[in-house]
Amino acid sequence: MRKMLLALSLLATLALSGCGYNDFQTRDEQVKAAWAEVLNQYKRRADLIPNLVSTVQGYAAHERQTLEAVISARARATQVTLPAEALDDPAKVRQFQQAQGELAGALSRLLVVAENYPQLKADANFRDLQAQLEGTENRITTARNRFIKAVQEYNVLARQFPTNLTAMIFGYKPKASFEVENEKAISEPPKVDFAPKSAVPAAPTPSPATAPATTPAPGK
């Protein structure tokens, strides 16, 4: 009896391996690890923002609207959470992506404003924060790309035959990923022109018509 159970267990293990069950476990863990790194880099960016805003405020306090936009965007981005277990919900992924994209846009506008303040640009603390922020943005891009690749590999496994049968049996749903085109659009730095606008030249005033010279009549 024990030998029969052992044989059945072995057959079940081989069957699960052959149908992709173990591959699903591997791919799922890879997606979770990649997503954890994305969240880690987004948190790193959020942690830099308070010091950045405080530094800019010291030189450009009257840029209140821009500063408040960054603070509000950071608050929204930190409130919209997306655990790995919710990655199969496209609506939640889009909501998370939109919140992070709005924060990226607000930060871009803040850095554009900073370009108009030479003393701020010369501040050592600001330069250090800016360098850290640029490095973090690069790490965010790398982490996102790795996540997109991990999700792609998982989704291929979930959709192709015969592993799609395993996905149906064990409830492995395709996972949502970043929409690359939307991410590119909302992350594009805004184009802001601080050059003074030249006044539109007024239309030339037509000069009054010169009356024709009259020839004096000959004396009588």
Protein backbone atom coordinates (compact mmCIF):
# COMPACT_ATOMS: atom_id res chain seq x y z
CA MET A 1 0.00 0.00 0.00
CA ARG A 2 2.81 2.37 0.94
CA LYS A 3 4.61 1.60 -2.33
CA MET A 4 1.44 2.31 -4.26
CA LEU A 5 0.97 5.67 -2.55
CA LEU A 6 4.59 6.52 -3.20
CA ALA A 7 4.21 5.62 -6.86
CA LEU A 8 1.04 7.70 -7.17
CA SER A 9 2.77 10.61 -5.48
CA LEU A 10 5.69 10.31 -7.89
CA LEU A 11 3.36 10.17 -10.87
CA ALA A 12 1.47 13.23 -9.62
CA THR A 13 4.74 15.12 -9.19
CA LEU A 14 5.85 14.24 -12.70
CA ALA A 15 2.45 15.20 -14.08
CA LEU A 16 2.53 18.59 -12.36
CA SER A 17 6.05 19.22 -13.60
CA GLY A 18 5.11 18.28 -17.14
CA CYS A 19 2.05 20.53 -17.24
CA GLY A 20 3.97 23.59 -16.09
CA TYR A 21 2.88 23.77 -12.45
CA ASN A 22 6.42 24.29 -11.20
CA ASP A 23 7.07 26.82 -13.95
CA PHE A 24 4.11 28.83 -12.70
CA GLN A 25 5.59 28.88 -9.21
CA THR A 26 8.90 30.13 -10.58
CA ARG A 27 7.38 32.80 -12.83
CA ASP A 28 5.03 33.97 -10.11
CA GLU A 29 7.90 34.46 -7.68
CA GLN A 30 9.86 36.33 -10.35
CA VAL A 31 6.94 38.71 -10.90
CA LYS A 32 6.60 39.32 -7.17
CA ALA A 33 10.32 40.00 -6.80
CA ALA A 34 10.33 42.38 -9.78
CA TRP A 35 7.27 44.21 -8.43
CA ALA A 36 8.83 44.54 -4.98
CA GLU A 37 11.81 46.28 -6.59
CA VAL A 38 9.48 48.66 -8.47
CA LEU A 39 7.75 49.58 -5.21
CA ASN A 40 11.11 50.00 -3.49
CA GLN A 41 12.29 52.52 -6.09
CA TYR A 42 9.00 54.43 -6.05
CA LYS A 43 9.29 54.68 -2.26
CA ARG A 44 12.84 55.93 -2.60
CA ARG A 45 11.60 58.71 -4.88
CA ALA A 46 8.80 59.61 -2.48
CA ASP A 47 11.28 59.81 0.41
CA LEU A 48 13.42 62.34 -1.48
CA ILE A 49 10.57 64.73 -2.20
CA PRO A 50 10.08 66.42 1.22
CA ASN A 51 13.73 67.56 1.36
CA LEU A 52 13.62 68.63 -2.28
CA VAL A 53 10.48 70.71 -1.76
CA SER A 54 11.92 72.25 1.40
CA THR A 55 15.12 73.24 -0.39
CA VAL A 56 13.31 74.78 -3.34
CA GLN A 57 10.97 76.62 -1.01
CA GLY A 58 13.94 78.31 0.63
CA TYR A 59 14.79 80.05 -2.65
CA ALA A 60 11.47 80.17 -4.45
CA ALA A 61 8.76 80.38 -1.79
CA HIS A 62 6.46 82.30 -4.11
CA GLU A 63 6.28 79.28 -6.46
CA ARG A 64 3.53 78.10 -4.19
CA GLN A 65 1.33 76.47 -6.82
CA THR A 66 4.14 74.29 -8.15
CA LEU A 67 5.28 73.26 -4.68
CA GLU A 68 1.76 72.40 -3.56
CA ALA A 69 1.21 70.35 -6.72
CA VAL A 70 4.23 68.19 -5.89
CA ILE A 71 3.11 67.72 -2.28
CA SER A 72 -0.43 66.78 -3.36
CA ALA A 73 0.81 64.39 -6.05
CA ARG A 74 3.12 62.70 -3.54
CA ALA A 75 0.24 62.26 -1.10
CA ARG A 76 -1.95 60.65 -3.78
CA ALA A 77 0.87 58.40 -4.99
CA THR A 78 1.61 57.09 -1.50
CA GLN A 79 -2.08 56.46 -0.81
CA VAL A 80 -2.63 54.34 -3.94
CA THR A 81 -1.17 50.96 -3.01
CA LEU A 82 -0.89 47.89 -5.21
CA PRO A 83 0.15 44.64 -3.52
CA ALA A 84 1.47 41.84 -5.72
CA GLU A 85 -1.75 39.88 -5.15
CA ALA A 86 -3.70 42.61 -7.04
CA LEU A 87 -1.55 42.55 -10.19
CA ASP A 88 -4.24 40.58 -12.03
CA ASP A 89 -6.59 43.59 -11.80
CA PRO A 90 -5.90 45.93 -14.76
CA ALA A 91 -8.00 48.75 -13.27
CA LYS A 92 -5.93 48.84 -10.08
CA VAL A 93 -2.67 48.74 -12.05
CA ARG A 94 -3.84 51.69 -14.19
CA GLN A 95 -4.83 53.63 -11.07
CA PHE A 96 -1.43 53.03 -9.52
CA GLN A 97 0.36 53.94 -12.74
CA GLN A 98 -1.64 57.14 -13.12
CA ALA A 99 -0.84 58.27 -9.56
CA GLN A 100 2.88 57.66 -10.05
CA GLY A 101 2.78 59.36 -13.45
CA GLU A 102 1.16 62.46 -11.97
CA LEU A 103 3.91 62.62 -9.38
CA ALA A 104 6.58 62.31 -12.08
CA GLY A 105 4.96 65.15 -14.00
CA ALA A 106 4.75 67.40 -10.92
CA LEU A 107 8.42 66.74 -10.16
CA SER A 108 9.38 67.60 -13.72
CA ARG A 109 7.59 70.93 -13.46
CA LEU A 110 9.32 71.66 -10.16
CA LEU A 111 12.75 71.03 -11.69
CA VAL A 112 11.89 73.24 -14.65
CA VAL A 113 10.97 76.05 -12.25
CA ALA A 114 14.26 75.52 -10.40
CA GLU A 115 16.14 76.28 -13.61
CA ASN A 116 14.98 79.88 -13.25
CA TYR A 117 16.80 80.36 -9.90
CA PRO A 118 20.60 80.42 -10.24
CA GLN A 119 21.17 80.56 -6.48
CA LEU A 120 19.02 77.48 -6.00
CA LYS A 121 20.88 75.59 -8.74
CA ALA A 122 24.17 76.49 -7.02
CA ASP A 123 22.98 75.14 -3.65
CA ALA A 124 24.97 72.01 -2.78
CA ASN A 125 22.02 70.34 -1.06
CA PHE A 126 19.79 70.91 -4.09
CA ARG A 127 22.42 69.52 -6.46
CA ASP A 128 22.80 66.43 -4.30
CA LEU A 129 19.03 65.88 -4.12
CA GLN A 130 18.71 66.40 -7.86
CA ALA A 131 21.44 63.84 -8.53
CA GLN A 132 19.76 61.34 -6.19
CA LEU A 133 16.42 61.94 -7.88
CA GLU A 134 17.88 61.43 -11.36
CA GLY A 135 19.54 58.21 -10.22
CA THR A 136 16.27 57.02 -8.70
CA GLU A 137 14.38 57.75 -11.91
CA ASN A 138 16.87 55.62 -13.80
CA ARG A 139 16.45 52.80 -11.30
CA ILE A 140 12.66 53.11 -11.58
CA THR A 141 12.90 52.71 -15.35
CA THR A 142 15.13 49.64 -14.98
CA ALA A 143 12.86 48.08 -12.35
CA ARG A 144 9.76 48.72 -14.47
CA ASN A 145 11.36 47.10 -17.51
CA ARG A 146 12.30 44.01 -15.50
CA PHE A 147 8.78 43.81 -14.13
CA ILE A 148 7.25 44.11 -17.61
CA LYS A 149 9.50 41.27 -18.83
CA ALA A 150 8.63 39.06 -15.84
CA VAL A 151 4.90 39.62 -16.38
CA GLN A 152 5.25 38.90 -20.07
CA GLU A 153 6.93 35.55 -19.40
CA TYR A 154 4.27 34.66 -16.80
CA ASN A 155 1.40 35.60 -19.13
CA VAL A 156 2.84 33.59 -22.02
CA LEU A 157 2.91 30.55 -19.76
CA ALA A 158 -0.67 31.22 -18.65
CA ARG A 159 -1.98 31.51 -22.21
CA GLN A 160 -0.06 28.95 -24.24
CA PHE A 161 -1.10 25.30 -24.60
CA PRO A 162 -0.92 23.04 -22.64
CA THR A 163 0.10 25.14 -19.62
CA ASN A 164 -3.08 27.21 -20.04
CA LEU A 165 -4.97 24.14 -18.82
CA THR A 166 -2.90 24.16 -15.65
CA ALA A 167 -3.64 27.88 -15.29
CA MET A 168 -7.38 27.21 -15.50
CA ILE A 169 -7.24 24.32 -13.03
CA PHE A 170 -5.19 26.16 -10.41
CA GLY A 171 -6.59 29.66 -11.03
CA TYR A 172 -3.47 31.33 -12.44
CA LYS A 173 -4.82 34.48 -14.08
CA PRO A 174 -2.82 36.67 -16.48
CA LYS A 175 -1.27 39.64 -14.70
CA ALA A 176 -1.64 43.28 -15.75
CA SER A 177 1.43 45.23 -16.72
CA PHE A 178 2.32 48.85 -17.31
CA GLU A 179 0.81 50.35 -20.43
CA VAL A 180 4.01 51.54 -22.05
CA GLU A 181 2.50 54.20 -24.32
CA ASN A 182 0.55 55.81 -21.47
CA GLU A 183 3.60 55.63 -19.20
CA LYS A 184 5.65 57.43 -21.85
CA ALA A 185 3.03 60.13 -22.27
CA ILE A 186 2.48 60.94 -18.59
CA SER A 187 6.19 60.82 -17.78
CA GLU A 188 7.25 63.22 -20.53
CA PRO A 189 8.64 66.42 -18.99
CA PRO A 190 6.43 69.42 -19.67
CA LYS A 191 7.66 72.08 -22.02
CA VAL A 192 7.79 75.35 -20.11
CA ASP A 193 9.20 78.57 -21.55
CA PHE A 194 10.29 81.22 -19.09
CA ALA A 195 11.43 83.66 -21.79
CA PRO A 196 9.50 86.91 -21.65
CA LYS A 197 6.85 87.06 -24.24
CA SER A 198 7.40 89.87 -26.72
CA ALA A 199 4.49 92.15 -27.18
CA VAL A 200 2.61 91.77 -30.40
CA PRO A 201 3.49 94.78 -32.49
CA ALA A 202 0.60 97.09 -33.06
CA ALA A 203 -0.69 97.42 -36.53
CA PRO A 204 0.81 100.47 -38.22
CA THR A 205 -1.42 103.51 -38.17
CA PRO A 206 -2.10 104.66 -41.67
CA SER A 207 -0.70 108.12 -42.26
CA PRO A 208 -3.24 110.73 -43.22
CA ALA A 209 -3.52 111.27 -46.92
CA THR A 210 -1.61 114.30 -48.12
CA ALA A 211 -3.87 116.81 -49.73
CA PRO A 212 -2.87 117.58 -53.28
CA ALA A 213 -1.09 120.89 -53.70
CA THR A 214 -3.23 123.55 -55.32
CA THR A 215 -1.83 125.79 -57.95
CA PRO A 216 -2.66 129.41 -57.26
CA ALA A 217 -4.99 130.80 -59.86
CA PRO A 218 -3.42 133.43 -62.12
CA GLY A 219 -4.22 136.94 -61.18
CA LYS A 220 -6.94 138.66 -63.14
